[in-house]
Structure formats: C-alpha cells, structure tokens
N, C-alpha and C. Protein backbone atom coordinates (compact mmCIF):
# COMPACT_ATOMS: atom_id res chain seq x y z
N MET A 1 15.76 5.19 -7.26
CA MET A 1 14.82 4.44 -6.88
C MET A 1 14.69 4.97 -5.36
N ALA A 2 15.59 4.40 -4.39
CA ALA A 2 15.04 3.63 -3.23
C ALA A 2 14.36 5.67 -2.67
N ARG A 3 14.54 6.76 -3.41
CA ARG A 3 13.62 8.00 -3.13
C ARG A 3 12.19 8.09 -3.50
N MET A 4 11.63 6.86 -4.28
CA MET A 4 10.33 7.33 -4.78
C MET A 4 9.75 6.06 -3.96
N PHE A 5 10.34 5.10 -3.28
CA PHE A 5 9.52 4.32 -2.30
C PHE A 5 9.74 4.95 -1.06
N ARG A 6 10.06 6.03 -1.10
CA ARG A 6 9.81 6.97 0.42
C ARG A 6 8.90 8.05 0.04
N VAL A 7 8.45 8.29 -1.61
CA VAL A 7 7.64 8.88 -1.96
C VAL A 7 6.41 8.15 -1.61
N LEU A 8 6.05 7.22 -2.42
CA LEU A 8 4.32 6.03 -1.70
C LEU A 8 4.55 6.41 -0.58
N GLY A 9 6.22 6.05 0.46
CA GLY A 9 5.34 5.78 1.87
C GLY A 9 4.70 7.47 2.29
N PHE A 10 5.18 8.06 1.74
CA PHE A 10 4.25 9.59 2.35
C PHE A 10 2.90 10.23 1.69
N TRP A 11 2.62 9.69 0.26
CA TRP A 11 1.26 9.06 0.10
C TRP A 11 0.40 8.47 0.42
N THR A 12 1.21 7.06 0.37
CA THR A 12 0.21 6.25 1.75
C THR A 12 -0.08 6.68 2.82
N LEU A 13 0.84 7.53 3.84
CA LEU A 13 0.83 8.57 4.93
C LEU A 13 -0.05 9.09 4.59
N ILE A 14 -0.74 10.17 4.13
CA ILE A 14 -2.01 10.61 3.68
C ILE A 14 -2.65 10.23 3.37
N ILE A 15 -3.09 8.66 2.81
CA ILE A 15 -4.50 8.95 2.05
C ILE A 15 -5.34 7.73 4.01
N GLY A 16 -3.61 7.28 4.79
CA GLY A 16 -4.07 6.98 5.51
C GLY A 16 -4.75 7.97 7.37
N LEU A 17 -3.87 9.27 6.97
CA LEU A 17 -4.39 9.81 7.69
C LEU A 17 -5.81 10.82 7.27
N MET A 18 -6.19 10.48 5.87
CA MET A 18 -7.40 10.86 5.71
C MET A 18 -8.27 9.87 5.74
N ALA A 19 -8.00 9.11 6.23
CA ALA A 19 -8.72 7.36 6.08
C ALA A 19 -9.39 7.89 7.40
N TYR A 20 -8.51 7.78 8.58
CA TYR A 20 -8.28 7.99 9.58
C TYR A 20 -8.83 9.34 10.47
N ALA A 21 -9.09 10.86 10.06
CA ALA A 21 -9.78 11.49 10.12
C ALA A 21 -11.28 11.26 9.03
N GLY A 22 -11.71 10.45 9.09
CA GLY A 22 -13.12 9.89 8.26
C GLY A 22 -13.29 8.65 8.85
N HIS A 23 -13.00 8.77 10.10
CA HIS A 23 -13.64 7.53 10.85
C HIS A 23 -13.57 6.12 9.86
N MET A 24 -12.21 5.95 8.92
CA MET A 24 -12.47 4.60 8.40
C MET A 24 -10.76 4.15 8.94
N VAL A 25 -11.10 3.36 10.39
CA VAL A 25 -10.09 3.12 11.42
C VAL A 25 -9.18 1.72 10.64
N GLU A 26 -10.07 0.53 10.01
CA GLU A 26 -9.47 -0.79 9.03
C GLU A 26 -8.66 0.14 8.03
N MET A 27 -9.06 1.23 7.00
CA MET A 27 -7.89 1.27 5.52
C MET A 27 -7.14 2.02 6.64
N ALA A 28 -6.99 3.33 7.20
CA ALA A 28 -5.71 3.72 7.62
C ALA A 28 -5.37 2.64 7.89
N LEU A 29 -5.52 1.40 8.97
CA LEU A 29 -4.59 0.92 9.85
C LEU A 29 -3.30 0.02 8.71
N LEU A 30 -4.25 -0.14 7.74
CA LEU A 30 -3.58 -1.13 6.38
C LEU A 30 -3.16 -0.08 5.20
N PHE A 31 -3.04 1.06 5.24
CA PHE A 31 -2.56 2.60 4.42
C PHE A 31 -1.44 3.00 5.30
N PHE A 32 -1.72 2.86 6.72
CA PHE A 32 0.20 2.95 7.54
C PHE A 32 0.82 1.98 7.93
N LEU A 33 0.03 0.86 7.40
CA LEU A 33 1.79 -0.50 7.33
C LEU A 33 2.33 -0.17 5.89
N GLN A 34 1.62 -0.05 5.04
CA GLN A 34 1.64 0.71 4.09
C GLN A 34 3.32 1.28 3.84
N THR A 35 2.10 2.56 4.57
CA THR A 35 3.29 2.86 5.28
C THR A 35 4.34 3.19 4.99
N ALA A 36 4.69 1.72 6.78
CA ALA A 36 5.70 1.51 6.90
C ALA A 36 7.02 0.68 5.92
N PHE A 37 6.18 -0.12 4.97
CA PHE A 37 6.57 -1.22 4.69
C PHE A 37 7.30 -0.19 3.49
N PHE A 38 6.80 0.83 2.84
CA PHE A 38 7.45 1.66 1.17
C PHE A 38 8.98 2.11 1.98
N VAL A 39 8.78 2.78 3.35
CA VAL A 39 9.39 3.69 4.49
C VAL A 39 10.71 2.41 4.74
N LEU A 40 10.33 2.20 5.22
CA LEU A 40 11.52 0.37 5.21
C LEU A 40 11.81 0.16 4.16
N LEU A 41 11.79 -0.13 2.99
CA LEU A 41 12.34 -0.44 1.47
C LEU A 41 12.86 0.74 1.39
N GLY A 42 13.01 2.63 1.32
CA GLY A 42 13.21 3.17 0.95
C GLY A 42 14.43 3.24 1.48
N TYR A 43 14.87 3.14 2.57
CA TYR A 43 16.15 3.57 3.66
C TYR A 43 17.13 2.02 3.29
N LEU A 44 16.52 0.93 2.60
CA LEU A 44 17.39 -0.21 3.01
C LEU A 44 18.26 -0.63 1.99
N LYS A 45 18.39 0.51 0.80
CA LYS A 45 19.08 1.14 -0.44
C LYS A 45 19.80 -0.54 -0.93
N LEU A 46 18.88 -1.12 -1.56
CA LEU A 46 18.37 -2.47 -2.46
C LEU A 46 19.12 -1.32 -4.22
N THR A 47 19.39 -2.78 -4.63
CA THR A 47 20.13 -2.47 -6.05
C THR A 47 18.53 -2.86 -6.63
N GLU A 48 18.09 -1.10 -8.16
CA GLU A 48 17.35 -0.78 -8.56
C GLU A 48 16.82 -1.83 -9.37
N ARG A 49 16.93 -3.53 -9.65
CA ARG A 49 16.41 -4.22 -9.85
C ARG A 49 15.36 -5.01 -9.37
N THR A 50 15.68 -5.07 -7.16
CA THR A 50 15.37 -5.33 -6.39
C THR A 50 13.81 -4.68 -5.58
N TYR A 51 14.58 -3.29 -6.61
CA TYR A 51 13.62 -2.27 -6.25
C TYR A 51 11.83 -2.29 -7.09
N ILE A 52 12.21 -2.65 -7.80
CA ILE A 52 11.33 -3.01 -9.11
C ILE A 52 10.65 -4.95 -9.06
N LEU A 53 10.98 -5.62 -9.06
CA LEU A 53 10.81 -7.03 -8.18
C LEU A 53 10.24 -6.74 -7.73
N SER A 54 10.39 -5.66 -5.84
CA SER A 54 9.53 -5.48 -4.81
C SER A 54 8.65 -5.16 -5.32
N PHE A 55 8.20 -4.40 -5.91
CA PHE A 55 7.30 -3.63 -6.27
C PHE A 55 5.83 -4.06 -7.57
N TRP A 56 6.27 -5.00 -8.29
CA TRP A 56 5.58 -6.01 -8.38
C TRP A 56 5.08 -7.22 -7.92
N GLY A 57 6.37 -7.84 -7.17
CA GLY A 57 5.15 -8.08 -6.24
C GLY A 57 4.01 -7.72 -5.29
N TYR A 58 4.27 -6.04 -4.41
CA TYR A 58 3.15 -5.43 -4.16
C TYR A 58 2.93 -5.52 -4.89
N MET A 59 2.55 -5.15 -5.84
CA MET A 59 1.37 -4.88 -6.53
C MET A 59 0.26 -6.39 -7.41
N LEU A 60 1.19 -6.89 -7.42
CA LEU A 60 0.75 -8.58 -8.05
C LEU A 60 -0.26 -8.87 -6.11
N VAL A 61 0.44 -8.89 -4.92
CA VAL A 61 -0.12 -8.80 -3.89
C VAL A 61 -1.56 -7.71 -3.72
N SER A 62 -1.26 -6.73 -3.49
CA SER A 62 -3.20 -5.51 -3.42
C SER A 62 -3.85 -5.79 -5.09
N PHE A 63 -3.43 -6.39 -6.23
CA PHE A 63 -4.52 -6.14 -6.99
C PHE A 63 -5.58 -7.93 -6.81
N THR A 64 -4.19 -8.50 -6.39
CA THR A 64 -5.63 -10.19 -6.06
C THR A 64 -5.98 -9.69 -5.05
N GLY A 65 -5.95 -9.36 -3.71
CA GLY A 65 -6.76 -9.07 -2.89
C GLY A 65 -8.04 -7.68 -2.84
N PHE A 66 -7.68 -6.97 -3.76
CA PHE A 66 -8.68 -5.45 -3.82
C PHE A 66 -9.76 -6.56 -5.12
N SER A 67 -8.79 -7.93 -5.95
CA SER A 67 -10.01 -8.61 -6.89
C SER A 67 -10.62 -9.67 -5.97
N TYR A 68 -9.57 -10.15 -4.73
CA TYR A 68 -10.66 -11.08 -4.14
C TYR A 68 -12.18 -10.61 -3.25
N TRP A 69 -11.69 -8.90 -2.82
CA TRP A 69 -12.62 -8.34 -1.94
C TRP A 69 -13.85 -7.94 -3.04
N THR A 70 -13.33 -7.38 -4.05
CA THR A 70 -15.27 -6.91 -5.13
C THR A 70 -15.84 -7.72 -5.20
N ILE A 71 -15.14 -9.12 -5.41
CA ILE A 71 -15.98 -10.35 -5.72
C ILE A 71 -16.19 -11.07 -4.97
N PHE A 72 -16.16 -11.41 -4.32
CA PHE A 72 -16.26 -12.47 -3.56
C PHE A 72 -17.15 -11.71 -1.80
N GLU A 73 -15.88 -10.63 -1.44
CA GLU A 73 -16.75 -9.88 0.43
C GLU A 73 -18.31 -8.32 0.04
N MET A 74 -17.72 -8.56 -1.07
CA MET A 74 -18.54 -7.36 -1.03
C MET A 74 -20.02 -8.00 -1.89
N SER A 75 -21.07 -7.37 -1.00
CA SER A 75 -22.30 -7.66 -1.11
C SER A 75 -22.80 -7.29 -2.98
N ASN A 76 -23.90 -7.54 -2.99
CA ASN A 76 -24.31 -7.35 -4.85
C ASN A 76 -25.41 -6.32 -4.69
N PRO A 77 -25.03 -5.36 -5.47
CA PRO A 77 -25.93 -3.97 -5.26
C PRO A 77 -27.06 -3.79 -5.73
N PHE A 78 -26.96 -5.60 -6.59
CA PHE A 78 -29.13 -5.12 -7.40
C PHE A 78 -29.53 -5.91 -6.34
C-alpha cells in the first residue's frame, strides 16, 4: 500500500510539471503539495488501515473543495 502512495506522488508530480509548463502556477503548486503529501505518506510505513483511512480523508477533502469551487467560485457560463 505504501508503494501506491509513491505512485500517486509520481503522477501528481507529472501533472504538476505539465501545469507549470502550461503557465498554470497555482495548479502546479497545488499538485506539488499533493506530491509531497503522497511521497511523505509513502515512506512512513504505516498500517494498511491507516493508508486507506488517510486516502478516504484525502478524497473527502478534495471532493468537497472541488464541489465548493465549481459551485460558488466559478462564474456561470450562461
């Protein structure tokens, strides 16, 4: 399970680098922070239950933030 968090860190690093190359600095910084979070968790050698609970917590925070941003912060396209 720890290896999967390192894989998630790798992919968030790739997405962050592509965002930085596309001049989307805020998005790149967000993904670089996620990379640091995932790689740090990947090397902590926690139990599998802890890894699963931390991933559920991450998904809860990210989906809540995404939903808030798309509903309240983005302009109405119509």
